PDB file of N, CA and C in Angstrom:
ATOM      1  N   MET A   1     -15.301  14.964  -4.079  1.00  0.00           N
ATOM      2  CA  MET A   1     -16.462  14.963  -3.024  1.00  0.00           C
ATOM      3  C   MET A   1     -16.452  13.074  -2.001  1.00  0.00           C
ATOM      4  N   LEU A   2     -16.794  12.041  -3.041  1.00  0.00           N
ATOM      5  CA  LEU A   2     -16.471  10.920  -2.766  1.00  0.00           C
ATOM      6  C   LEU A   2     -15.552  10.117  -3.431  1.00  0.00           C
ATOM      7  N   ILE A   3     -14.692   9.428  -3.269  1.00  0.00           N
ATOM      8  CA  ILE A   3     -13.627   8.651  -4.186  1.00  0.00           C
ATOM      9  C   ILE A   3     -14.600   7.378  -4.829  1.00  0.00           C
ATOM     10  N   PRO A   4     -14.679   7.400  -6.077  1.00  0.00           N
ATOM     11  CA  PRO A   4     -15.338   6.389  -6.914  1.00  0.00           C
ATOM     12  C   PRO A   4     -15.445   5.202  -6.590  1.00  0.00           C
ATOM     13  N   VAL A   5     -15.970   4.248  -6.673  1.00  0.00           N
ATOM     14  CA  VAL A   5     -16.169   2.545  -6.295  1.00  0.00           C
ATOM     15  C   VAL A   5     -15.046   1.909  -7.230  1.00  0.00           C
ATOM     16  N   ARG A   6     -15.734   2.541  -8.410  1.00  0.00           N
ATOM     17  CA  ARG A   6     -15.013   1.838  -9.082  1.00  0.00           C
ATOM     18  C   ARG A   6     -13.572   2.543  -9.845  1.00  0.00           C
ATOM     19  N   CYS A   7     -12.838   2.127 -10.604  1.00  0.00           N
ATOM     20  CA  CYS A   7     -11.552   2.916 -11.667  1.00  0.00           C
ATOM     21  C   CYS A   7     -12.244   3.314 -12.623  1.00  0.00           C
ATOM     22  N   TRP A   8     -12.613   4.421 -13.299  1.00  0.00           N
ATOM     23  CA  TRP A   8     -13.540   5.001 -14.340  1.00  0.00           C
ATOM     24  C   TRP A   8     -12.766   4.068 -15.573  1.00  0.00           C
ATOM     25  N   SER A   9     -11.858   3.397 -16.305  1.00  0.00           N
ATOM     26  CA  SER A   9     -10.312   3.260 -16.769  1.00  0.00           C
ATOM     27  C   SER A   9     -10.742   2.355 -16.962  1.00  0.00           C
ATOM     28  N   CYS A  10     -10.503   1.090 -15.919  1.00  0.00           N
ATOM     29  CA  CYS A  10     -10.267  -0.614 -16.332  1.00  0.00           C
ATOM     30  C   CYS A  10     -11.580  -1.591 -14.965  1.00  0.00           C
ATOM     31  N   GLY A  11     -11.900  -0.421 -14.566  1.00  0.00           N
ATOM     32  CA  GLY A  11     -13.352  -1.348 -13.724  1.00  0.00           C
ATOM     33  C   GLY A  11     -12.617  -1.961 -12.433  1.00  0.00           C
ATOM     34  N   LYS A  12     -11.439  -1.586 -12.128  1.00  0.00           N
ATOM     35  CA  LYS A  12     -11.098  -2.414 -10.631  1.00  0.00           C
ATOM     36  C   LYS A  12     -11.370  -1.850  -9.495  1.00  0.00           C
ATOM     37  N   VAL A  13     -12.182  -1.898  -8.338  1.00  0.00           N
ATOM     38  CA  VAL A  13     -12.804  -1.799  -7.444  1.00  0.00           C
ATOM     39  C   VAL A  13     -11.345  -0.688  -6.198  1.00  0.00           C
ATOM     40  N   VAL A  14     -11.372   0.228  -6.285  1.00  0.00           N
ATOM     41  CA  VAL A  14     -10.697   1.318  -5.322  1.00  0.00           C
ATOM     42  C   VAL A  14     -11.302   1.576  -4.011  1.00  0.00           C
ATOM     43  N   ALA A  15     -11.978   1.949  -3.975  1.00  0.00           N
ATOM     44  CA  ALA A  15     -12.708   2.873  -2.819  1.00  0.00           C
ATOM     45  C   ALA A  15     -12.164   2.261  -1.652  1.00  0.00           C
ATOM     46  N   HIS A  16     -12.412   1.013  -1.153  1.00  0.00           N
ATOM     47  CA  HIS A  16     -12.173   0.186  -0.060  1.00  0.00           C
ATOM     48  C   HIS A  16     -10.421   0.640   0.174  1.00  0.00           C
ATOM     49  N   LEU A  17      -9.739   1.321  -0.131  1.00  0.00           N
ATOM     50  CA  LEU A  17      -8.134   1.397  -0.147  1.00  0.00           C
ATOM     51  C   LEU A  17      -8.310   3.183   0.400  1.00  0.00           C
ATOM     52  N   TYR A  18      -9.104   3.757  -0.333  1.00  0.00           N
ATOM     53  CA  TYR A  18      -9.325   4.866   0.597  1.00  0.00           C
ATOM     54  C   TYR A  18      -8.462   5.690   1.125  1.00  0.00           C
ATOM     55  N   ASP A  19      -9.282   4.620   2.549  1.00  0.00           N
ATOM     56  CA  ASP A  19      -9.174   5.370   3.951  1.00  0.00           C
ATOM     57  C   ASP A  19      -7.495   4.965   4.256  1.00  0.00           C
ATOM     58  N   GLN A  20      -6.907   3.723   3.903  1.00  0.00           N
ATOM     59  CA  GLN A  20      -5.171   3.888   3.659  1.00  0.00           C
ATOM     60  C   GLN A  20      -4.375   4.711   3.449  1.00  0.00           C
ATOM     61  N   TYR A  21      -5.015   4.836   2.195  1.00  0.00           N
ATOM     62  CA  TYR A  21      -4.068   5.703   1.429  1.00  0.00           C
ATOM     63  C   TYR A  21      -4.129   6.902   2.151  1.00  0.00           C
ATOM     64  N   LYS A  22      -5.644   7.361   2.739  1.00  0.00           N
ATOM     65  CA  LYS A  22      -5.471   9.543   3.135  1.00  0.00           C
ATOM     66  C   LYS A  22      -4.657   9.254   4.308  1.00  0.00           C
ATOM     67  N   THR A  23      -5.324   8.093   5.828  1.00  0.00           N
ATOM     68  CA  THR A  23      -4.090   8.102   6.669  1.00  0.00           C
ATOM     69  C   THR A  23      -2.732   8.000   6.339  1.00  0.00           C
ATOM     70  N   ALA A  24      -1.818   7.443   5.723  1.00  0.00           N
ATOM     71  CA  ALA A  24      -0.613   7.553   5.346  1.00  0.00           C
ATOM     72  C   ALA A  24       0.194   9.143   4.640  1.00  0.00           C
ATOM     73  N   VAL A  25      -0.514   8.999   3.762  1.00  0.00           N
ATOM     74  CA  VAL A  25      -0.594  10.302   3.161  1.00  0.00           C
ATOM     75  C   VAL A  25      -0.494  11.372   4.342  1.00  0.00           C
ATOM     76  N   ASP A  26      -1.092  11.616   5.208  1.00  0.00           N
ATOM     77  CA  ASP A  26      -1.709  12.540   6.122  1.00  0.00           C
ATOM     78  C   ASP A  26      -0.712  12.566   7.605  1.00  0.00           C
ATOM     79  N   ALA A  27      -0.239  10.821   7.171  1.00  0.00           N
ATOM     80  CA  ALA A  27       0.902  11.070   8.533  1.00  0.00           C
ATOM     81  C   ALA A  27       2.477  11.178   8.124  1.00  0.00           C
ATOM     82  N   GLY A  28       2.623  11.456   6.617  1.00  0.00           N
ATOM     83  CA  GLY A  28       3.313  12.431   5.749  1.00  0.00           C
ATOM     84  C   GLY A  28       4.551  11.497   4.874  1.00  0.00           C
ATOM     85  N   GLU A  29       3.597  10.172   4.759  1.00  0.00           N
ATOM     86  CA  GLU A  29       4.403   9.425   4.337  1.00  0.00           C
ATOM     87  C   GLU A  29       4.060   9.976   2.404  1.00  0.00           C
ATOM     88  N   ASP A  30       4.983   9.190   1.340  1.00  0.00           N
ATOM     89  CA  ASP A  30       5.201   9.272  -0.124  1.00  0.00           C
ATOM     90  C   ASP A  30       3.924   8.662  -0.620  1.00  0.00           C
ATOM     91  N   PRO A  31       3.120   9.838  -1.171  1.00  0.00           N
ATOM     92  CA  PRO A  31       1.856   9.272  -2.412  1.00  0.00           C
ATOM     93  C   PRO A  31       2.194   8.130  -3.045  1.00  0.00           C
ATOM     94  N   GLN A  32       3.921   7.941  -3.744  1.00  0.00           N
ATOM     95  CA  GLN A  32       4.037   6.953  -4.524  1.00  0.00           C
ATOM     96  C   GLN A  32       4.113   5.813  -4.179  1.00  0.00           C
ATOM     97  N   LYS A  33       4.635   5.831  -2.928  1.00  0.00           N
ATOM     98  CA  LYS A  33       5.152   4.565  -2.229  1.00  0.00           C
ATOM     99  C   LYS A  33       4.397   4.157  -1.689  1.00  0.00           C
ATOM    100  N   VAL A  34       2.882   4.506  -1.064  1.00  0.00           N
ATOM    101  CA  VAL A  34       1.863   3.925  -0.529  1.00  0.00           C
ATOM    102  C   VAL A  34       0.996   3.740  -1.664  1.00  0.00           C
ATOM    103  N   LEU A  35       0.964   4.224  -2.898  1.00  0.00           N
ATOM    104  CA  LEU A  35       0.108   3.824  -3.771  1.00  0.00           C
ATOM    105  C   LEU A  35       0.579   2.749  -3.934  1.00  0.00           C
ATOM    106  N   ASP A  36       2.093   2.208  -4.311  1.00  0.00           N
ATOM    107  CA  ASP A  36       2.399   0.643  -4.744  1.00  0.00           C
ATOM    108  C   ASP A  36       2.128   0.134  -3.322  1.00  0.00           C
ATOM    109  N   ASP A  37       2.265   0.191  -1.847  1.00  0.00           N
ATOM    110  CA  ASP A  37       1.912  -0.623  -0.700  1.00  0.00           C
ATOM    111  C   ASP A  37       1.003  -1.134  -1.190  1.00  0.00           C
ATOM    112  N   ILE A  38      -0.319   0.165  -1.609  1.00  0.00           N
ATOM    113  CA  ILE A  38      -2.035  -0.810  -0.945  1.00  0.00           C
ATOM    114  C   ILE A  38      -2.250  -1.768  -2.241  1.00  0.00           C
ATOM    115  N   GLY A  39      -1.233  -1.550  -3.417  1.00  0.00           N
ATOM    116  CA  GLY A  39      -1.725  -2.785  -4.547  1.00  0.00           C
ATOM    117  C   GLY A  39      -2.365  -1.606  -5.709  1.00  0.00           C
ATOM    118  N   LEU A  40      -2.322  -0.425  -5.943  1.00  0.00           N
ATOM    119  CA  LEU A  40      -2.352   0.467  -7.078  1.00  0.00           C
ATOM    120  C   LEU A  40      -1.492   0.340  -7.814  1.00  0.00           C
ATOM    121  N   GLU A  41      -1.173  -0.547  -9.051  1.00  0.00           N
ATOM    122  CA  GLU A  41      -0.389  -0.235  -9.654  1.00  0.00           C
ATOM    123  C   GLU A  41      -0.275   0.304 -11.443  1.00  0.00           C
ATOM    124  N   ARG A  42      -1.955   0.050 -11.738  1.00  0.00           N
ATOM    125  CA  ARG A  42      -2.377   0.570 -12.886  1.00  0.00           C
ATOM    126  C   ARG A  42      -2.209   1.964 -12.964  1.00  0.00           C
ATOM    127  N   TYR A  43      -1.548   2.941 -13.900  1.00  0.00           N
ATOM    128  CA  TYR A  43      -1.797   4.373 -13.315  1.00  0.00           C
ATOM    129  C   TYR A  43      -3.152   4.534 -13.684  1.00  0.00           C
ATOM    130  N   CYS A  44      -4.073   4.601 -14.473  1.00  0.00           N
ATOM    131  CA  CYS A  44      -5.566   4.584 -14.177  1.00  0.00           C
ATOM    132  C   CYS A  44      -6.078   4.584 -12.857  1.00  0.00           C
ATOM    133  N   CYS A  45      -5.643   3.729 -12.338  1.00  0.00           N
ATOM    134  CA  CYS A  45      -6.489   3.653 -10.427  1.00  0.00           C
ATOM    135  C   CYS A  45      -5.498   4.485  -9.621  1.00  0.00           C
ATOM    136  N   ARG A  46      -4.391   4.525 -10.355  1.00  0.00           N
ATOM    137  CA  ARG A  46      -3.685   6.063  -9.797  1.00  0.00           C
ATOM    138  C   ARG A  46      -3.924   7.085  -9.188  1.00  0.00           C
ATOM    139  N   ARG A  47      -4.348   7.380 -10.317  1.00  0.00           N
ATOM    140  CA  ARG A  47      -4.779   8.676 -10.684  1.00  0.00           C
ATOM    141  C   ARG A  47      -6.457   9.419 -10.349  1.00  0.00           C
ATOM    142  N   MET A  48      -6.806   8.223  -9.792  1.00  0.00           N
ATOM    143  CA  MET A  48      -8.338   8.325  -8.975  1.00  0.00           C
ATOM    144  C   MET A  48      -8.084   8.820  -7.921  1.00  0.00           C
ATOM    145  N   TYR A  49      -7.156   8.433  -7.590  1.00  0.00           N
ATOM    146  CA  TYR A  49      -6.524   9.134  -5.776  1.00  0.00           C
ATOM    147  C   TYR A  49      -5.703  10.496  -5.945  1.00  0.00           C
ATOM    148  N   VAL A  50      -4.882  10.147  -6.437  1.00  0.00           N
ATOM    149  CA  VAL A  50      -4.006  11.217  -6.918  1.00  0.00           C
ATOM    150  C   VAL A  50      -4.891  13.037  -7.697  1.00  0.00           C
ATOM    151  N   GLY A  51      -5.641  12.357  -7.775  1.00  0.00           N
ATOM    152  CA  GLY A  51      -6.782  13.390  -8.448  1.00  0.00           C
ATOM    153  C   GLY A  51      -7.618  13.872  -8.060  1.00  0.00           C
ATOM    154  N   HIS A  52      -8.092  13.424  -6.484  1.00  0.00           N
ATOM    155  CA  HIS A  52      -9.307  13.257  -6.014  1.00  0.00           C
ATOM    156  C   HIS A  52      -9.053  14.712  -5.346  1.00  0.00           C
ATOM    157  N   ILE A  53     -10.002  15.318  -5.243  1.00  0.00           N
ATOM    158  CA  ILE A  53      -9.880  16.403  -4.128  1.00  0.00           C
ATOM    159  C   ILE A  53     -11.464  16.310  -3.570  1.00  0.00           C
ATOM    160  N   ASP A  54     -11.131  16.502  -1.879  1.00  0.00           N
ATOM    161  CA  ASP A  54     -12.271  16.255  -0.772  1.00  0.00           C
ATOM    162  C   ASP A  54     -12.234  17.665  -0.270  1.00  0.00           C
ATOM    163  N   LEU A  55     -14.273  17.189  -1.408  1.00  0.00           N
ATOM    164  CA  LEU A  55     -14.618  18.641  -0.795  1.00  0.00           C
ATOM    165  C   LEU A  55     -15.629  18.723   0.156  1.00  0.00           C
ATOM    166  N   ILE A  56     -16.491  17.034   0.669  1.00  0.00           N
ATOM    167  CA  ILE A  56     -17.526  17.590   1.642  1.00  0.00           C
ATOM    168  C   ILE A  56     -17.810  18.212   2.241  1.00  0.00           C
ATOM    169  N   ASP A  57     -16.817  18.376   2.876  1.00  0.00           N
ATOM    170  CA  ASP A  57     -16.655  19.539   4.179  1.00  0.00           C
ATOM    171  C   ASP A  57     -17.080  20.879   3.437  1.00  0.00           C
ATOM    172  N   GLU A  58     -16.939  21.328   2.882  1.00  0.00           N
ATOM    173  CA  GLU A  58     -17.083  22.763   2.336  1.00  0.00           C
ATOM    174  C   GLU A  58     -18.640  22.753   1.333  1.00  0.00           C
ATOM    175  N   ILE A  59     -19.020  21.251   0.806  1.00  0.00           N
ATOM    176  CA  ILE A  59     -20.403  21.007   0.669  1.00  0.00           C
ATOM    177  C   ILE A  59     -20.878  21.242   1.579  1.00  0.00           C
ATOM    178  N   ALA A  60     -21.023  20.466   2.574  1.00  0.00           N
ATOM    179  CA  ALA A  60     -21.911  20.209   3.522  1.00  0.00           C
ATOM    180  C   ALA A  60     -23.380  21.164   4.194  1.00  0.00           C
ATOM    181  N   PRO A  61     -22.439  22.201   4.711  1.00  0.00           N
ATOM    182  CA  PRO A  61     -23.167  23.087   5.187  1.00  0.00           C
ATOM    183  C   PRO A  61     -23.846  23.678   4.195  1.00  0.00           C
ATOM    184  N   PHE A  62     -24.469  23.440   3.015  1.00  0.00           N
ATOM    185  CA  PHE A  62     -25.324  23.566   1.935  1.00  0.00           C
ATOM    186  C   PHE A  62     -26.232  23.144   1.482  1.00  0.00           C
ATOM    187  N   SER A  63     -26.081  21.170   2.352  1.00  0.00           N
ATOM    188  CA  SER A  63     -27.358  20.422   2.063  1.00  0.00           C
ATOM    189  C   SER A  63     -28.274  20.870   2.808  1.00  0.00           C
ATOM    190  N   ILE A  64     -29.529  20.539   2.258  1.00  0.00           N
ATOM    191  CA  ILE A  64     -30.561  20.974   2.596  1.00  0.00           C
ATOM    192  C   ILE A  64     -31.276  19.583   3.521  1.00  0.00           C
ATOM    193  N   ALA A  65     -31.519  20.152   4.646  1.00  0.00           N
ATOM    194  CA  ALA A  65     -32.227  18.631   5.466  1.00  0.00           C
ATOM    195  C   ALA A  65     -33.783  18.257   4.986  1.00  0.00           C
ATOM    196  N   ARG A  66     -33.617  17.147   4.479  1.00  0.00           N
ATOM    197  CA  ARG A  66     -35.257  16.763   4.478  1.00  0.00           C
ATOM    198  C   ARG A  66     -36.062  16.190   5.177  1.00  0.00           C
ATOM    199  N   GLU A  67     -36.900  17.107   5.311  1.00  0.00           N
ATOM    200  CA  GLU A  67     -38.122  16.525   6.681  1.00  0.00           C
ATOM    201  C   GLU A  67     -39.216  15.469   5.835  1.00  0.00           C
ATOM    202  N   ASN A  68     -39.461  14.411   6.584  1.00  0.00           N
ATOM    203  CA  ASN A  68     -40.629  13.767   6.252  1.00  0.00           C
ATOM    204  C   ASN A  68     -42.079  14.119   6.914  1.00  0.00           C
TER     205      ASN A  68
END
């Protein structure tokens, strides 16, 4: 759904880099090179991006609009 703000293992802030990663990978670049370029060197931080599945578009239709 949403990328976590911090890495679950080491605590490094990683969420602010996700847009750069997603844009580059969608453009056809190699994910390994993109992760190196944006500065994610630890394997624990890299797994946050490689293992992420974006489900927000599939879940959004089931959300309930809250009325005040």
